[in-house]
């Protein structure tokens, strides 16, 4: 059996929906040119330390860049955009850097990148209920907000912000290709997800997570006697 990643080619709008779905569930994947790549645990653990060290170094470099006048230099967009890609790959997040990119896009409309903006929005979406998503949205020109997949991500964000959770998951799952059903079965087995007769998959049972806790309070005689004396 091969230990390498399995790759499935998907349309961009499907990849976008799945990015939200899997990121919110904390699952590992990579998205490149419309492909979702799934990595087994052995591959993931092998490179985890290297990835963490590489990201921390990049975070430090970007932090220095953002503290100076170079923050507004469009020539640094390539570096910042690679940083966003790294955030996506390594499940990391840096709101300040992402907002700096959107600000540069505002000042330099010709440099605007739909893919990078979509990634920034998705990362902000996973940080709800914080206001990151709203901050990012307000820095995107209305014209670009109508472009796909940005428009779809904004719609998903609106569903979550207005607590329409059922509609959010229905919309997201509609884009899940049947080719992923086998992979979903693997996750169901691993994480204990269940499927009912109607084909609905339940990823968590709230009742099973609620555990009763007995609280025992011990009061000695001296404490009681002092209270009684005070009340007389």
Protein backbone atom coordinates (compact mmCIF):
# COMPACT_ATOMS: atom_id res chain seq x y z
CA UNK A 1 0.00 0.00 0.00
CA UNK A 2 1.36 3.39 -0.95
CA UNK A 3 2.19 5.79 1.87
CA UNK A 4 2.02 8.89 -0.31
CA UNK A 5 -0.88 11.33 -0.56
CA UNK A 6 -3.99 10.53 -2.55
CA UNK A 7 -4.93 13.24 -5.04
CA UNK A 8 -8.37 14.04 -6.43
CA UNK A 9 -8.96 16.66 -9.11
CA UNK A 10 -11.91 18.95 -8.38
CA UNK A 11 -13.48 22.13 -9.76
CA UNK A 12 -12.47 25.29 -7.91
CA UNK A 13 -15.92 25.89 -6.38
CA UNK A 14 -15.96 22.36 -4.98
CA UNK A 15 -12.48 22.80 -3.53
CA UNK A 16 -13.64 26.02 -1.85
CA UNK A 17 -16.60 24.35 -0.17
CA UNK A 18 -14.51 21.41 0.94
CA UNK A 19 -11.84 23.73 2.30
CA UNK A 20 -14.43 25.21 4.65
CA UNK A 21 -15.78 21.78 5.55
CA UNK A 22 -12.47 20.13 6.35
CA UNK A 23 -10.83 23.16 7.95
CA UNK A 24 -13.73 23.61 10.36
CA UNK A 25 -13.44 19.94 11.31
CA UNK A 26 -9.70 20.26 11.93
CA UNK A 27 -8.83 17.66 9.29
CA UNK A 28 -5.61 17.65 7.30
CA UNK A 29 -5.60 18.43 3.61
CA UNK A 30 -3.81 20.52 1.06
CA UNK A 31 -5.33 22.38 -1.85
CA UNK A 32 -3.25 23.14 -4.92
CA UNK A 33 -4.57 24.08 -8.37
CA UNK A 34 -7.97 22.56 -7.69
CA UNK A 35 -6.57 19.37 -6.12
CA UNK A 36 -7.19 18.21 -2.60
CA UNK A 37 -4.40 16.08 -1.21
CA UNK A 38 -5.00 13.90 1.82
CA UNK A 39 -2.05 12.83 3.94
CA UNK A 40 -1.92 9.83 6.21
CA UNK A 41 -0.85 10.25 9.84
CA UNK A 42 2.62 8.82 9.27
CA UNK A 43 3.45 11.37 6.56
CA UNK A 44 2.00 14.17 8.64
CA UNK A 45 3.94 13.36 11.81
CA UNK A 46 7.19 12.90 9.88
CA UNK A 47 7.30 16.48 8.67
CA UNK A 48 5.47 18.20 11.54
CA UNK A 49 8.58 19.51 13.30
CA UNK A 50 10.10 20.75 10.05
CA UNK A 51 6.90 22.51 9.08
CA UNK A 52 6.59 24.18 12.49
CA UNK A 53 10.18 25.45 12.39
CA UNK A 54 9.78 26.71 8.84
CA UNK A 55 6.54 28.52 9.64
CA UNK A 56 7.92 30.18 12.78
CA UNK A 57 10.87 31.48 10.77
CA UNK A 58 8.55 32.82 8.10
CA UNK A 59 6.28 34.39 10.74
CA UNK A 60 9.28 36.18 12.24
CA UNK A 61 10.42 37.49 8.85
CA UNK A 62 6.94 38.70 7.96
CA UNK A 63 6.61 40.33 11.38
CA UNK A 64 9.74 42.38 10.75
CA UNK A 65 8.48 43.36 7.32
CA UNK A 66 5.15 44.58 8.70
CA UNK A 67 6.76 46.78 11.35
CA UNK A 68 8.40 49.09 8.81
CA UNK A 69 7.51 51.18 5.80
CA UNK A 70 7.78 48.04 3.68
CA UNK A 71 4.33 47.13 4.97
CA UNK A 72 2.95 49.32 2.17
CA UNK A 73 5.40 48.25 -0.53
CA UNK A 74 3.56 46.21 -3.23
CA UNK A 75 6.85 44.50 -4.12
CA UNK A 76 6.45 42.51 -0.91
CA UNK A 77 3.12 41.05 -1.97
CA UNK A 78 4.75 37.91 -3.36
CA UNK A 79 6.30 37.18 0.04
CA UNK A 80 3.06 37.85 1.89
CA UNK A 81 1.04 35.75 -0.55
CA UNK A 82 3.41 32.80 -0.06
CA UNK A 83 2.88 33.29 3.66
CA UNK A 84 -0.86 32.85 3.18
CA UNK A 85 -0.25 29.63 1.28
CA UNK A 86 1.93 28.44 4.15
CA UNK A 87 -0.83 29.24 6.64
CA UNK A 88 -3.21 27.09 4.63
CA UNK A 89 -0.80 24.17 4.35
CA UNK A 90 0.25 24.16 8.00
CA UNK A 91 -3.07 25.03 9.61
CA UNK A 92 -1.66 28.29 11.01
CA UNK A 93 -3.13 31.77 11.12
CA UNK A 94 -1.84 35.36 11.11
CA UNK A 95 -4.60 37.97 10.88
CA UNK A 96 -2.27 40.99 10.86
CA UNK A 97 -0.36 39.74 7.84
CA UNK A 98 -3.55 38.84 6.00
CA UNK A 99 -5.07 42.25 6.61
CA UNK A 100 -1.86 43.84 5.32
CA UNK A 101 -2.31 41.93 2.05
CA UNK A 102 -5.88 43.11 1.66
CA UNK A 103 -4.77 46.69 2.34
CA UNK A 104 -2.11 46.41 -0.36
CA UNK A 105 -4.78 45.13 -2.75
CA UNK A 106 -6.83 48.23 -1.92
CA UNK A 107 -3.92 50.51 -2.74
CA UNK A 108 -2.87 48.48 -5.78
CA UNK A 109 -5.99 47.03 -7.48
CA UNK A 110 -3.95 45.61 -10.37
CA UNK A 111 -2.25 43.18 -7.97
CA UNK A 112 -5.50 41.72 -6.64
CA UNK A 113 -5.53 37.90 -6.44
CA UNK A 114 -8.84 36.06 -6.11
CA UNK A 115 -7.24 32.84 -4.86
CA UNK A 116 -5.21 34.54 -2.11
CA UNK A 117 -8.21 36.60 -1.00
CA UNK A 118 -10.34 33.46 -0.86
CA UNK A 119 -7.75 31.74 1.31
CA UNK A 120 -7.63 34.73 3.65
CA UNK A 121 -11.41 34.71 4.00
CA UNK A 122 -11.46 30.98 4.69
CA UNK A 123 -8.84 31.33 7.41
CA UNK A 124 -10.81 34.19 8.97
CA UNK A 125 -13.97 32.11 8.73
CA UNK A 126 -12.44 29.38 10.85
CA UNK A 127 -11.77 31.95 13.60
CA UNK A 128 -15.41 32.73 14.27
CA UNK A 129 -16.97 34.01 16.48
CA UNK A 130 -14.17 36.60 16.43
CA UNK A 131 -14.68 39.53 14.06
CA UNK A 132 -11.79 38.61 11.74
CA UNK A 133 -14.11 37.64 8.89
CA UNK A 134 -15.94 40.99 9.01
CA UNK A 135 -12.64 42.90 9.10
CA UNK A 136 -11.42 41.08 5.99
CA UNK A 137 -14.72 41.46 4.15
CA UNK A 138 -14.76 45.24 4.70
CA UNK A 139 -11.38 45.54 2.97
CA UNK A 140 -12.53 43.85 -0.25
CA UNK A 141 -13.95 45.99 -3.03
CA UNK A 142 -17.61 45.34 -3.81
CA UNK A 143 -16.76 44.35 -7.38
CA UNK A 144 -14.44 41.61 -6.17
CA UNK A 145 -17.00 40.45 -3.64
CA UNK A 146 -19.16 39.36 -6.57
CA UNK A 147 -16.45 37.11 -7.99
CA UNK A 148 -16.43 33.37 -7.46
CA UNK A 149 -15.41 31.81 -5.15
CA UNK A 150 -15.29 34.95 -2.97
CA UNK A 151 -19.05 35.39 -3.30
CA UNK A 152 -19.64 31.82 -2.11
CA UNK A 153 -17.34 32.20 0.89
CA UNK A 154 -19.07 35.43 1.90
CA UNK A 155 -22.40 33.62 1.68
CA UNK A 156 -21.10 30.83 3.91
CA UNK A 157 -19.79 33.42 6.35
CA UNK A 158 -23.19 35.10 6.47
CA UNK A 159 -24.85 31.77 7.25
CA UNK A 160 -22.49 31.16 10.15
CA UNK A 161 -22.69 34.71 11.51
CA UNK A 162 -26.49 34.55 11.49
CA UNK A 163 -26.43 31.08 13.11
CA UNK A 164 -28.01 29.31 10.13
CA UNK A 165 -25.86 26.27 10.80
CA UNK A 166 -28.09 23.73 9.13
CA UNK A 167 -28.19 25.74 5.91
CA UNK A 168 -24.41 26.15 6.08
CA UNK A 169 -23.77 22.41 6.22
CA UNK A 170 -26.39 21.62 3.58
CA UNK A 171 -24.82 24.15 1.21
CA UNK A 172 -21.34 22.83 1.90
CA UNK A 173 -22.15 19.15 1.60
CA UNK A 174 -23.94 19.68 -1.71
CA UNK A 175 -20.53 20.26 -3.26
CA UNK A 176 -18.93 17.16 -1.83
CA UNK A 177 -18.19 14.86 -4.73
CA UNK A 178 -19.31 11.21 -4.46
CA UNK A 179 -15.65 10.37 -5.03
CA UNK A 180 -15.03 11.48 -1.46
CA UNK A 181 -17.55 9.08 0.05
CA UNK A 182 -14.89 6.38 0.52
CA UNK A 183 -12.63 8.84 2.33
CA UNK A 184 -15.56 9.95 4.49
CA UNK A 185 -16.12 6.30 5.45
CA UNK A 186 -12.54 6.16 6.70
CA UNK A 187 -13.07 9.25 8.86
CA UNK A 188 -16.37 7.86 10.13
CA UNK A 189 -14.58 4.77 11.35
CA UNK A 190 -11.68 6.72 12.84
CA UNK A 191 -13.67 9.39 14.66
CA UNK A 192 -16.79 7.39 15.49
CA UNK A 193 -19.15 9.29 13.19
CA UNK A 194 -22.50 7.64 12.53
CA UNK A 195 -24.85 7.51 9.55
CA UNK A 196 -28.63 7.13 9.77
CA UNK A 197 -31.02 5.46 7.33
CA UNK A 198 -31.43 8.69 5.36
CA UNK A 199 -27.71 8.92 4.69
CA UNK A 200 -27.13 11.77 7.14
CA UNK A 201 -23.78 11.65 8.91
CA UNK A 202 -23.59 12.75 12.52
CA UNK A 203 -20.10 13.86 13.47
CA UNK A 204 -20.78 14.44 17.15
CA UNK A 205 -23.29 13.38 19.76
CA UNK A 206 -23.82 16.10 22.33
CA UNK A 207 -25.54 13.74 24.74
CA UNK A 208 -22.51 11.46 24.85
CA UNK A 209 -20.22 14.38 25.70
CA UNK A 210 -22.28 15.51 28.69
CA UNK A 211 -20.99 13.74 31.78
CA UNK A 212 -22.61 14.27 35.18
CA UNK A 213 -20.38 15.56 37.93
CA UNK A 214 -21.05 15.12 41.60
CA UNK A 215 -20.03 18.06 43.74
CA UNK A 216 -19.41 17.32 47.39
CA UNK A 217 -18.99 20.15 49.86
CA UNK A 218 -17.54 19.48 53.29
CA UNK A 219 -18.38 21.84 56.16
CA UNK A 220 -16.85 21.27 59.57
CA UNK A 221 -18.66 21.82 62.87
CA UNK A 222 -16.67 24.92 63.74
CA UNK A 223 -17.81 26.66 60.54
CA UNK A 224 -21.46 25.85 61.23
CA UNK A 225 -21.30 26.94 64.86
CA UNK A 226 -19.82 30.32 63.94
CA UNK A 227 -22.55 30.91 61.36
CA UNK A 228 -25.28 29.99 63.89
CA UNK A 229 -23.76 32.28 66.50
CA UNK A 230 -23.70 35.17 64.05
CA UNK A 231 -27.34 34.66 63.05
CA UNK A 232 -28.58 34.79 66.67
